């Protein structure tokens, strides 16, 4: 299993985060990936657009994401961590 490292240093918006993910992972069907948490879940758990293949994802410097918020005001980082915890098909880590 290959490991993909996504450096979160300097990420200041969810859009920048998704671009960083796409650049590092070069996932399947990147052009169809929805660049949101629901699309990320679908990719990680069901192999939908944006699936990184059978890779392990390691998001480094993830604390840089702490100021980011979801539309509902929830922490973007906490939402990503929830996906990582619940995902059974893709291993996701935060450092």
PDB file of N, CA and C in Angstrom:
ATOM      1  N   UNK A   1       0.844  -1.177   0.000  1.00  0.00           N
ATOM      2  CA  UNK A   1       0.000   0.000   0.000  1.00  0.00           C
ATOM      3  C   UNK A   1       0.891   1.242   0.000  1.00  0.00           C
ATOM      4  N   UNK A   2       0.629   2.130  -0.929  1.00  0.00           N
ATOM      5  CA  UNK A   2       1.418   3.355  -0.966  1.00  0.00           C
ATOM      6  C   UNK A   2       0.848   4.358   0.041  1.00  0.00           C
ATOM      7  N   UNK A   3       1.689   5.253   0.485  1.00  0.00           N
ATOM      8  CA  UNK A   3       1.287   6.301   1.412  1.00  0.00           C
ATOM      9  C   UNK A   3       1.378   7.636   0.698  1.00  0.00           C
ATOM     10  N   UNK A   4       0.316   8.414   0.811  1.00  0.00           N
ATOM     11  CA  UNK A   4       0.277   9.750   0.225  1.00  0.00           C
ATOM     12  C   UNK A   4       0.301  10.750   1.372  1.00  0.00           C
ATOM     13  N   UNK A   5       1.293  11.629   1.360  1.00  0.00           N
ATOM     14  CA  UNK A   5       1.405  12.675   2.374  1.00  0.00           C
ATOM     15  C   UNK A   5       0.838  13.967   1.802  1.00  0.00           C
ATOM     16  N   UNK A   6      -0.088  14.568   2.526  1.00  0.00           N
ATOM     17  CA  UNK A   6      -0.686  15.836   2.140  1.00  0.00           C
ATOM     18  C   UNK A   6      -0.313  16.850   3.209  1.00  0.00           C
ATOM     19  N   UNK A   7       0.521  17.818   2.851  1.00  0.00           N
ATOM     20  CA  UNK A   7       0.982  18.827   3.794  1.00  0.00           C
ATOM     21  C   UNK A   7      -0.057  19.946   3.888  1.00  0.00           C
ATOM     22  N   UNK A   8      -0.586  20.164   5.069  1.00  0.00           N
ATOM     23  CA  UNK A   8      -1.628  21.166   5.278  1.00  0.00           C
ATOM     24  C   UNK A   8      -1.072  22.536   5.666  1.00  0.00           C
ATOM     25  N   UNK A   9       0.234  22.672   5.703  1.00  0.00           N
ATOM     26  CA  UNK A   9       0.841  23.955   6.041  1.00  0.00           C
ATOM     27  C   UNK A   9       0.347  25.034   5.088  1.00  0.00           C
ATOM     28  N   UNK A  10      -0.129  26.139   5.641  1.00  0.00           N
ATOM     29  CA  UNK A  10      -0.542  27.273   4.839  1.00  0.00           C
ATOM     30  C   UNK A  10      -1.924  27.176   4.227  1.00  0.00           C
ATOM     31  N   UNK A  11      -2.662  26.106   4.498  1.00  0.00           N
ATOM     32  CA  UNK A  11      -4.023  25.980   3.976  1.00  0.00           C
ATOM     33  C   UNK A  11      -4.927  26.916   4.770  1.00  0.00           C
ATOM     34  N   UNK A  12      -5.611  27.819   4.057  1.00  0.00           N
ATOM     35  CA  UNK A  12      -6.423  28.836   4.733  1.00  0.00           C
ATOM     36  C   UNK A  12      -7.900  28.773   4.369  1.00  0.00           C
ATOM     37  N   UNK A  13      -8.279  27.784   3.569  1.00  0.00           N
ATOM     38  CA  UNK A  13      -9.695  27.652   3.200  1.00  0.00           C
ATOM     39  C   UNK A  13      -9.968  26.204   2.818  1.00  0.00           C
ATOM     40  N   UNK A  14     -11.227  25.785   2.921  1.00  0.00           N
ATOM     41  CA  UNK A  14     -11.551  24.437   2.461  1.00  0.00           C
ATOM     42  C   UNK A  14     -11.181  24.232   0.992  1.00  0.00           C
ATOM     43  N   UNK A  15     -11.380  25.237   0.163  1.00  0.00           N
ATOM     44  CA  UNK A  15     -11.015  25.114  -1.253  1.00  0.00           C
ATOM     45  C   UNK A  15      -9.537  24.831  -1.439  1.00  0.00           C
ATOM     46  N   UNK A  16      -8.712  25.516  -0.658  1.00  0.00           N
ATOM     47  CA  UNK A  16      -7.265  25.286  -0.722  1.00  0.00           C
ATOM     48  C   UNK A  16      -6.916  23.876  -0.230  1.00  0.00           C
ATOM     49  N   UNK A  17      -7.640  23.406   0.783  1.00  0.00           N
ATOM     50  CA  UNK A  17      -7.426  22.048   1.273  1.00  0.00           C
ATOM     51  C   UNK A  17      -7.717  21.033   0.176  1.00  0.00           C
ATOM     52  N   UNK A  18      -8.886  21.186  -0.478  1.00  0.00           N
ATOM     53  CA  UNK A  18      -9.237  20.218  -1.521  1.00  0.00           C
ATOM     54  C   UNK A  18      -8.231  20.246  -2.659  1.00  0.00           C
ATOM     55  N   UNK A  19      -7.740  21.423  -3.033  1.00  0.00           N
ATOM     56  CA  UNK A  19      -6.743  21.490  -4.101  1.00  0.00           C
ATOM     57  C   UNK A  19      -5.454  20.802  -3.675  1.00  0.00           C
ATOM     58  N   UNK A  20      -5.074  20.986  -2.422  1.00  0.00           N
ATOM     59  CA  UNK A  20      -3.867  20.330  -1.901  1.00  0.00           C
ATOM     60  C   UNK A  20      -4.037  18.814  -1.959  1.00  0.00           C
ATOM     61  N   UNK A  21      -5.224  18.323  -1.575  1.00  0.00           N
ATOM     62  CA  UNK A  21      -5.511  16.887  -1.649  1.00  0.00           C
ATOM     63  C   UNK A  21      -5.400  16.386  -3.094  1.00  0.00           C
ATOM     64  N   UNK A  22      -6.039  17.094  -4.009  1.00  0.00           N
ATOM     65  CA  UNK A  22      -6.032  16.675  -5.413  1.00  0.00           C
ATOM     66  C   UNK A  22      -4.620  16.681  -5.987  1.00  0.00           C
ATOM     67  N   UNK A  23      -3.838  17.699  -5.659  1.00  0.00           N
ATOM     68  CA  UNK A  23      -2.469  17.781  -6.169  1.00  0.00           C
ATOM     69  C   UNK A  23      -1.602  16.634  -5.651  1.00  0.00           C
ATOM     70  N   UNK A  24      -1.754  16.308  -4.374  1.00  0.00           N
ATOM     71  CA  UNK A  24      -0.910  15.270  -3.767  1.00  0.00           C
ATOM     72  C   UNK A  24      -1.364  13.863  -4.138  1.00  0.00           C
ATOM     73  N   UNK A  25      -2.658  13.638  -4.140  1.00  0.00           N
ATOM     74  CA  UNK A  25      -3.182  12.276  -4.334  1.00  0.00           C
ATOM     75  C   UNK A  25      -3.382  11.905  -5.798  1.00  0.00           C
ATOM     76  N   UNK A  26      -3.573  12.899  -6.654  1.00  0.00           N
ATOM     77  CA  UNK A  26      -3.879  12.639  -8.070  1.00  0.00           C
ATOM     78  C   UNK A  26      -4.900  11.497  -8.175  1.00  0.00           C
ATOM     79  N   UNK A  27      -6.069  11.675  -7.541  1.00  0.00           N
ATOM     80  CA  UNK A  27      -7.033  10.585  -7.454  1.00  0.00           C
ATOM     81  C   UNK A  27      -7.740  10.300  -8.783  1.00  0.00           C
ATOM     82  N   UNK A  28      -8.361   9.134  -8.826  1.00  0.00           N
ATOM     83  CA  UNK A  28      -9.162   8.750  -9.981  1.00  0.00           C
ATOM     84  C   UNK A  28     -10.337   9.714 -10.118  1.00  0.00           C
ATOM     85  N   UNK A  29     -10.680  10.042 -11.337  1.00  0.00           N
ATOM     86  CA  UNK A  29     -11.817  10.914 -11.643  1.00  0.00           C
ATOM     87  C   UNK A  29     -11.767  12.228 -10.864  1.00  0.00           C
ATOM     88  N   UNK A  30     -10.577  12.809 -10.761  1.00  0.00           N
ATOM     89  CA  UNK A  30     -10.416  14.060 -10.020  1.00  0.00           C
ATOM     90  C   UNK A  30     -11.311  15.161 -10.570  1.00  0.00           C
ATOM     91  N   UNK A  31     -11.556  15.143 -11.867  1.00  0.00           N
ATOM     92  CA  UNK A  31     -12.383  16.176 -12.484  1.00  0.00           C
ATOM     93  C   UNK A  31     -13.849  16.080 -12.055  1.00  0.00           C
ATOM     94  N   UNK A  32     -14.253  14.926 -11.522  1.00  0.00           N
ATOM     95  CA  UNK A  32     -15.640  14.732 -11.063  1.00  0.00           C
ATOM     96  C   UNK A  32     -15.783  14.836  -9.546  1.00  0.00           C
ATOM     97  N   UNK A  33     -14.654  14.973  -8.843  1.00  0.00           N
ATOM     98  CA  UNK A  33     -14.668  15.038  -7.384  1.00  0.00           C
ATOM     99  C   UNK A  33     -15.342  16.327  -6.930  1.00  0.00           C
ATOM    100  N   UNK A  34     -16.287  16.231  -6.006  1.00  0.00           N
ATOM    101  CA  UNK A  34     -17.095  17.363  -5.569  1.00  0.00           C
ATOM    102  C   UNK A  34     -16.428  18.358  -4.644  1.00  0.00           C
ATOM    103  N   UNK A  35     -15.225  18.083  -4.172  1.00  0.00           N
ATOM    104  CA  UNK A  35     -14.493  19.005  -3.293  1.00  0.00           C
ATOM    105  C   UNK A  35     -15.331  19.449  -2.100  1.00  0.00           C
ATOM    106  N   UNK A  36     -15.911  18.479  -1.404  1.00  0.00           N
ATOM    107  CA  UNK A  36     -16.625  18.749  -0.164  1.00  0.00           C
ATOM    108  C   UNK A  36     -16.554  17.485   0.696  1.00  0.00           C
ATOM    109  N   UNK A  37     -16.988  17.587   1.926  1.00  0.00           N
ATOM    110  CA  UNK A  37     -16.867  16.466   2.859  1.00  0.00           C
ATOM    111  C   UNK A  37     -17.696  15.253   2.441  1.00  0.00           C
ATOM    112  N   UNK A  38     -18.867  15.475   1.887  1.00  0.00           N
ATOM    113  CA  UNK A  38     -19.684  14.347   1.422  1.00  0.00           C
ATOM    114  C   UNK A  38     -18.996  13.613   0.283  1.00  0.00           C
ATOM    115  N   UNK A  39     -18.429  14.356  -0.655  1.00  0.00           N
ATOM    116  CA  UNK A  39     -17.716  13.739  -1.772  1.00  0.00           C
ATOM    117  C   UNK A  39     -16.473  12.998  -1.272  1.00  0.00           C
ATOM    118  N   UNK A  40     -15.806  13.571  -0.265  1.00  0.00           N
ATOM    119  CA  UNK A  40     -14.624  12.921   0.301  1.00  0.00           C
ATOM    120  C   UNK A  40     -15.016  11.591   0.939  1.00  0.00           C
ATOM    121  N   UNK A  41     -16.109  11.584   1.692  1.00  0.00           N
ATOM    122  CA  UNK A  41     -16.599  10.342   2.291  1.00  0.00           C
ATOM    123  C   UNK A  41     -16.897   9.303   1.207  1.00  0.00           C
ATOM    124  N   UNK A  42     -17.612   9.717   0.176  1.00  0.00           N
ATOM    125  CA  UNK A  42     -17.949   8.794  -0.914  1.00  0.00           C
ATOM    126  C   UNK A  42     -16.695   8.236  -1.582  1.00  0.00           C
ATOM    127  N   UNK A  43     -15.686   9.083  -1.746  1.00  0.00           N
ATOM    128  CA  UNK A  43     -14.439   8.636  -2.358  1.00  0.00           C
ATOM    129  C   UNK A  43     -13.708   7.653  -1.448  1.00  0.00           C
ATOM    130  N   UNK A  44     -13.618   7.986  -0.166  1.00  0.00           N
ATOM    131  CA  UNK A  44     -12.855   7.148   0.763  1.00  0.00           C
ATOM    132  C   UNK A  44     -13.545   5.821   1.041  1.00  0.00           C
ATOM    133  N   UNK A  45     -14.850   5.845   1.145  1.00  0.00           N
ATOM    134  CA  UNK A  45     -15.569   4.651   1.578  1.00  0.00           C
ATOM    135  C   UNK A  45     -16.112   3.826   0.419  1.00  0.00           C
ATOM    136  N   UNK A  46     -16.432   4.463  -0.695  1.00  0.00           N
ATOM    137  CA  UNK A  46     -17.089   3.734  -1.788  1.00  0.00           C
ATOM    138  C   UNK A  46     -16.315   3.800  -3.106  1.00  0.00           C
ATOM    139  N   UNK A  47     -15.140   4.404  -3.089  1.00  0.00           N
ATOM    140  CA  UNK A  47     -14.350   4.460  -4.315  1.00  0.00           C
ATOM    141  C   UNK A  47     -14.918   5.390  -5.368  1.00  0.00           C
ATOM    142  N   UNK A  48     -15.687   6.386  -4.923  1.00  0.00           N
ATOM    143  CA  UNK A  48     -16.265   7.346  -5.858  1.00  0.00           C
ATOM    144  C   UNK A  48     -15.208   8.275  -6.424  1.00  0.00           C
ATOM    145  N   UNK A  49     -15.641   9.244  -7.247  1.00  0.00           N
ATOM    146  CA  UNK A  49     -14.678  10.200  -7.795  1.00  0.00           C
ATOM    147  C   UNK A  49     -13.834  10.822  -6.690  1.00  0.00           C
ATOM    148  N   UNK A  50     -12.536  10.885  -6.928  1.00  0.00           N
ATOM    149  CA  UNK A  50     -11.604  11.393  -5.929  1.00  0.00           C
ATOM    150  C   UNK A  50     -10.927  10.310  -5.117  1.00  0.00           C
ATOM    151  N   UNK A  51     -11.269   9.025  -5.402  1.00  0.00           N
ATOM    152  CA  UNK A  51     -10.660   7.921  -4.668  1.00  0.00           C
ATOM    153  C   UNK A  51      -9.161   7.851  -4.967  1.00  0.00           C
ATOM    154  N   UNK A  52      -8.328   7.768  -3.927  1.00  0.00           N
ATOM    155  CA  UNK A  52      -6.874   7.766  -4.136  1.00  0.00           C
ATOM    156  C   UNK A  52      -6.300   6.385  -4.440  1.00  0.00           C
ATOM    157  N   UNK A  53      -7.132   5.440  -4.795  1.00  0.00           N
ATOM    158  CA  UNK A  53      -6.643   4.075  -4.987  1.00  0.00           C
ATOM    159  C   UNK A  53      -6.476   3.426  -3.629  1.00  0.00           C
ATOM    160  N   UNK A  54      -5.765   2.374  -3.563  1.00  0.00           N
ATOM    161  CA  UNK A  54      -5.589   1.666  -2.298  1.00  0.00           C
ATOM    162  C   UNK A  54      -4.532   2.289  -1.419  1.00  0.00           C
ATOM    163  N   UNK A  55      -4.510   3.603  -1.350  1.00  0.00           N
ATOM    164  CA  UNK A  55      -3.468   4.319  -0.622  1.00  0.00           C
ATOM    165  C   UNK A  55      -3.884   4.663   0.802  1.00  0.00           C
ATOM    166  N   UNK A  56      -2.888   4.870   1.627  1.00  0.00           N
ATOM    167  CA  UNK A  56      -3.075   5.418   2.976  1.00  0.00           C
ATOM    168  C   UNK A  56      -2.816   6.909   2.868  1.00  0.00           C
ATOM    169  N   UNK A  57      -3.710   7.719   3.441  1.00  0.00           N
ATOM    170  CA  UNK A  57      -3.548   9.167   3.416  1.00  0.00           C
ATOM    171  C   UNK A  57      -3.017   9.652   4.753  1.00  0.00           C
ATOM    172  N   UNK A  58      -1.979  10.463   4.716  1.00  0.00           N
ATOM    173  CA  UNK A  58      -1.422  11.064   5.921  1.00  0.00           C
ATOM    174  C   UNK A  58      -1.425  12.567   5.719  1.00  0.00           C
ATOM    175  N   UNK A  59      -2.265  13.254   6.487  1.00  0.00           N
ATOM    176  CA  UNK A  59      -2.339  14.702   6.434  1.00  0.00           C
ATOM    177  C   UNK A  59      -1.386  15.249   7.484  1.00  0.00           C
ATOM    178  N   UNK A  60      -0.285  15.861   7.027  1.00  0.00           N
ATOM    179  CA  UNK A  60       0.718  16.397   7.948  1.00  0.00           C
ATOM    180  C   UNK A  60       0.403  17.861   8.258  1.00  0.00           C
ATOM    181  N   UNK A  61       0.890  18.323   9.392  1.00  0.00           N
ATOM    182  CA  UNK A  61       0.639  19.689   9.869  1.00  0.00           C
ATOM    183  C   UNK A  61      -0.861  19.993   9.864  1.00  0.00           C
ATOM    184  N   UNK A  62      -1.631  19.011  10.282  1.00  0.00           N
ATOM    185  CA  UNK A  62      -3.094  19.116  10.222  1.00  0.00           C
ATOM    186  C   UNK A  62      -3.656  20.186  11.158  1.00  0.00           C
ATOM    187  N   UNK A  63      -2.931  20.578  12.180  1.00  0.00           N
ATOM    188  CA  UNK A  63      -3.422  21.622  13.086  1.00  0.00           C
ATOM    189  C   UNK A  63      -3.607  22.948  12.359  1.00  0.00           C
ATOM    190  N   UNK A  64      -2.977  23.104  11.196  1.00  0.00           N
ATOM    191  CA  UNK A  64      -3.172  24.312  10.387  1.00  0.00           C
ATOM    192  C   UNK A  64      -4.624  24.435   9.938  1.00  0.00           C
ATOM    193  N   UNK A  65      -5.356  23.317   9.949  1.00  0.00           N
ATOM    194  CA  UNK A  65      -6.760  23.322   9.533  1.00  0.00           C
ATOM    195  C   UNK A  65      -7.708  23.744  10.654  1.00  0.00           C
ATOM    196  N   UNK A  66      -7.200  23.872  11.865  1.00  0.00           N
ATOM    197  CA  UNK A  66      -8.037  24.169  13.023  1.00  0.00           C
ATOM    198  C   UNK A  66      -8.945  25.393  12.836  1.00  0.00           C
ATOM    199  N   UNK A  67      -8.495  26.497  12.232  1.00  0.00           N
ATOM    200  CA  UNK A  67      -9.378  27.659  12.090  1.00  0.00           C
ATOM    201  C   UNK A  67     -10.503  27.480  11.057  1.00  0.00           C
ATOM    202  N   UNK A  68     -10.403  26.490  10.195  1.00  0.00           N
ATOM    203  CA  UNK A  68     -11.398  26.328   9.133  1.00  0.00           C
ATOM    204  C   UNK A  68     -12.709  25.795   9.685  1.00  0.00           C
ATOM    205  N   UNK A  69     -13.793  26.311   9.144  1.00  0.00           N
ATOM    206  CA  UNK A  69     -15.134  25.911   9.575  1.00  0.00           C
ATOM    207  C   UNK A  69     -15.928  25.376   8.388  1.00  0.00           C
ATOM    208  N   UNK A  70     -16.845  24.475   8.691  1.00  0.00           N
ATOM    209  CA  UNK A  70     -17.814  23.982   7.716  1.00  0.00           C
ATOM    210  C   UNK A  70     -18.953  24.992   7.643  1.00  0.00           C
ATOM    211  N   UNK A  71     -19.835  24.819   6.691  1.00  0.00           N
ATOM    212  CA  UNK A  71     -20.977  25.733   6.550  1.00  0.00           C
ATOM    213  C   UNK A  71     -21.825  25.800   7.813  1.00  0.00           C
ATOM    214  N   UNK A  72     -21.932  24.692   8.538  1.00  0.00           N
ATOM    215  CA  UNK A  72     -22.763  24.665   9.747  1.00  0.00           C
ATOM    216  C   UNK A  72     -22.014  25.165  10.984  1.00  0.00           C
ATOM    217  N   UNK A  73     -20.779  25.637  10.792  1.00  0.00           N
ATOM    218  CA  UNK A  73     -19.990  26.154  11.897  1.00  0.00           C
ATOM    219  C   UNK A  73     -19.111  25.122  12.579  1.00  0.00           C
ATOM    220  N   UNK A  74     -19.284  23.858  12.220  1.00  0.00           N
ATOM    221  CA  UNK A  74     -18.463  22.786  12.800  1.00  0.00           C
ATOM    222  C   UNK A  74     -17.018  22.933  12.321  1.00  0.00           C
ATOM    223  N   UNK A  75     -16.102  22.487  13.133  1.00  0.00           N
ATOM    224  CA  UNK A  75     -14.693  22.489  12.768  1.00  0.00           C
ATOM    225  C   UNK A  75     -14.461  21.571  11.562  1.00  0.00           C
ATOM    226  N   UNK A  76     -13.831  22.115  10.539  1.00  0.00           N
ATOM    227  CA  UNK A  76     -13.499  21.344   9.342  1.00  0.00           C
ATOM    228  C   UNK A  76     -12.574  20.182   9.708  1.00  0.00           C
ATOM    229  N   UNK A  77     -11.596  20.446  10.572  1.00  0.00           N
ATOM    230  CA  UNK A  77     -10.671  19.406  10.999  1.00  0.00           C
ATOM    231  C   UNK A  77     -11.394  18.299  11.750  1.00  0.00           C
ATOM    232  N   UNK A  78     -12.310  18.660  12.630  1.00  0.00           N
ATOM    233  CA  UNK A  78     -13.072  17.643  13.356  1.00  0.00           C
ATOM    234  C   UNK A  78     -13.915  16.800  12.402  1.00  0.00           C
ATOM    235  N   UNK A  79     -14.488  17.428  11.384  1.00  0.00           N
ATOM    236  CA  UNK A  79     -15.283  16.690  10.400  1.00  0.00           C
ATOM    237  C   UNK A  79     -14.401  15.715   9.625  1.00  0.00           C
ATOM    238  N   UNK A  80     -13.206  16.144   9.262  1.00  0.00           N
ATOM    239  CA  UNK A  80     -12.277  15.242   8.576  1.00  0.00           C
ATOM    240  C   UNK A  80     -11.863  14.086   9.484  1.00  0.00           C
ATOM    241  N   UNK A  81     -11.610  14.407  10.740  1.00  0.00           N
ATOM    242  CA  UNK A  81     -11.225  13.352  11.693  1.00  0.00           C
ATOM    243  C   UNK A  81     -12.354  12.347  11.898  1.00  0.00           C
ATOM    244  N   UNK A  82     -13.587  12.806  11.857  1.00  0.00           N
ATOM    245  CA  UNK A  82     -14.721  11.887  11.981  1.00  0.00           C
ATOM    246  C   UNK A  82     -14.753  10.933  10.783  1.00  0.00           C
ATOM    247  N   UNK A  83     -14.521  11.466   9.599  1.00  0.00           N
ATOM    248  CA  UNK A  83     -14.469  10.613   8.410  1.00  0.00           C
ATOM    249  C   UNK A  83     -13.346   9.589   8.565  1.00  0.00           C
ATOM    250  N   UNK A  84     -12.199  10.033   9.043  1.00  0.00           N
ATOM    251  CA  UNK A  84     -11.067   9.120   9.224  1.00  0.00           C
ATOM    252  C   UNK A  84     -11.399   8.005  10.211  1.00  0.00           C
ATOM    253  N   UNK A  85     -12.104   8.356  11.275  1.00  0.00           N
ATOM    254  CA  UNK A  85     -12.469   7.377  12.293  1.00  0.00           C
ATOM    255  C   UNK A  85     -13.486   6.367  11.767  1.00  0.00           C
ATOM    256  N   UNK A  86     -14.434   6.858  10.972  1.00  0.00           N
ATOM    257  CA  UNK A  86     -15.516   6.000  10.496  1.00  0.00           C
ATOM    258  C   UNK A  86     -15.179   5.233   9.217  1.00  0.00           C
ATOM    259  N   UNK A  87     -14.165   5.657   8.506  1.00  0.00           N
ATOM    260  CA  UNK A  87     -13.817   5.002   7.248  1.00  0.00           C
ATOM    261  C   UNK A  87     -13.279   3.598   7.500  1.00  0.00           C
ATOM    262  N   UNK A  88     -13.821   2.652   6.765  1.00  0.00           N
ATOM    263  CA  UNK A  88     -13.345   1.274   6.867  1.00  0.00           C
ATOM    264  C   UNK A  88     -12.551   0.862   5.630  1.00  0.00           C
ATOM    265  N   UNK A  89     -12.658   1.642   4.557  1.00  0.00           N
ATOM    266  CA  UNK A  89     -12.029   1.258   3.294  1.00  0.00           C
ATOM    267  C   UNK A  89     -10.701   1.960   3.041  1.00  0.00           C
ATOM    268  N   UNK A  90     -10.514   3.140   3.612  1.00  0.00           N
ATOM    269  CA  UNK A  90      -9.290   3.918   3.390  1.00  0.00           C
ATOM    270  C   UNK A  90      -8.723   4.320   4.740  1.00  0.00           C
ATOM    271  N   UNK A  91      -7.440   4.117   4.902  1.00  0.00           N
ATOM    272  CA  UNK A  91      -6.771   4.516   6.146  1.00  0.00           C
ATOM    273  C   UNK A  91      -6.373   5.988   6.029  1.00  0.00           C
ATOM    274  N   UNK A  92      -6.819   6.778   6.990  1.00  0.00           N
ATOM    275  CA  UNK A  92      -6.555   8.225   6.988  1.00  0.00           C
ATOM    276  C   UNK A  92      -5.972   8.600   8.345  1.00  0.00           C
ATOM    277  N   UNK A  93      -4.851   9.324   8.314  1.00  0.00           N
ATOM    278  CA  UNK A  93      -4.177   9.738   9.545  1.00  0.00           C
ATOM    279  C   UNK A  93      -3.901  11.230   9.521  1.00  0.00           C
ATOM    280  N   UNK A  94      -3.806  11.812  10.704  1.00  0.00           N
ATOM    281  CA  UNK A  94      -3.494  13.226  10.866  1.00  0.00           C
ATOM    282  C   UNK A  94      -2.314  13.364  11.809  1.00  0.00           C
ATOM    283  N   UNK A  95      -1.336  14.162  11.378  1.00  0.00           N
ATOM    284  CA  UNK A  95      -0.163  14.413  12.232  1.00  0.00           C
ATOM    285  C   UNK A  95       0.043  15.900  12.346  1.00  0.00           C
TER     286      UNK A  95
END
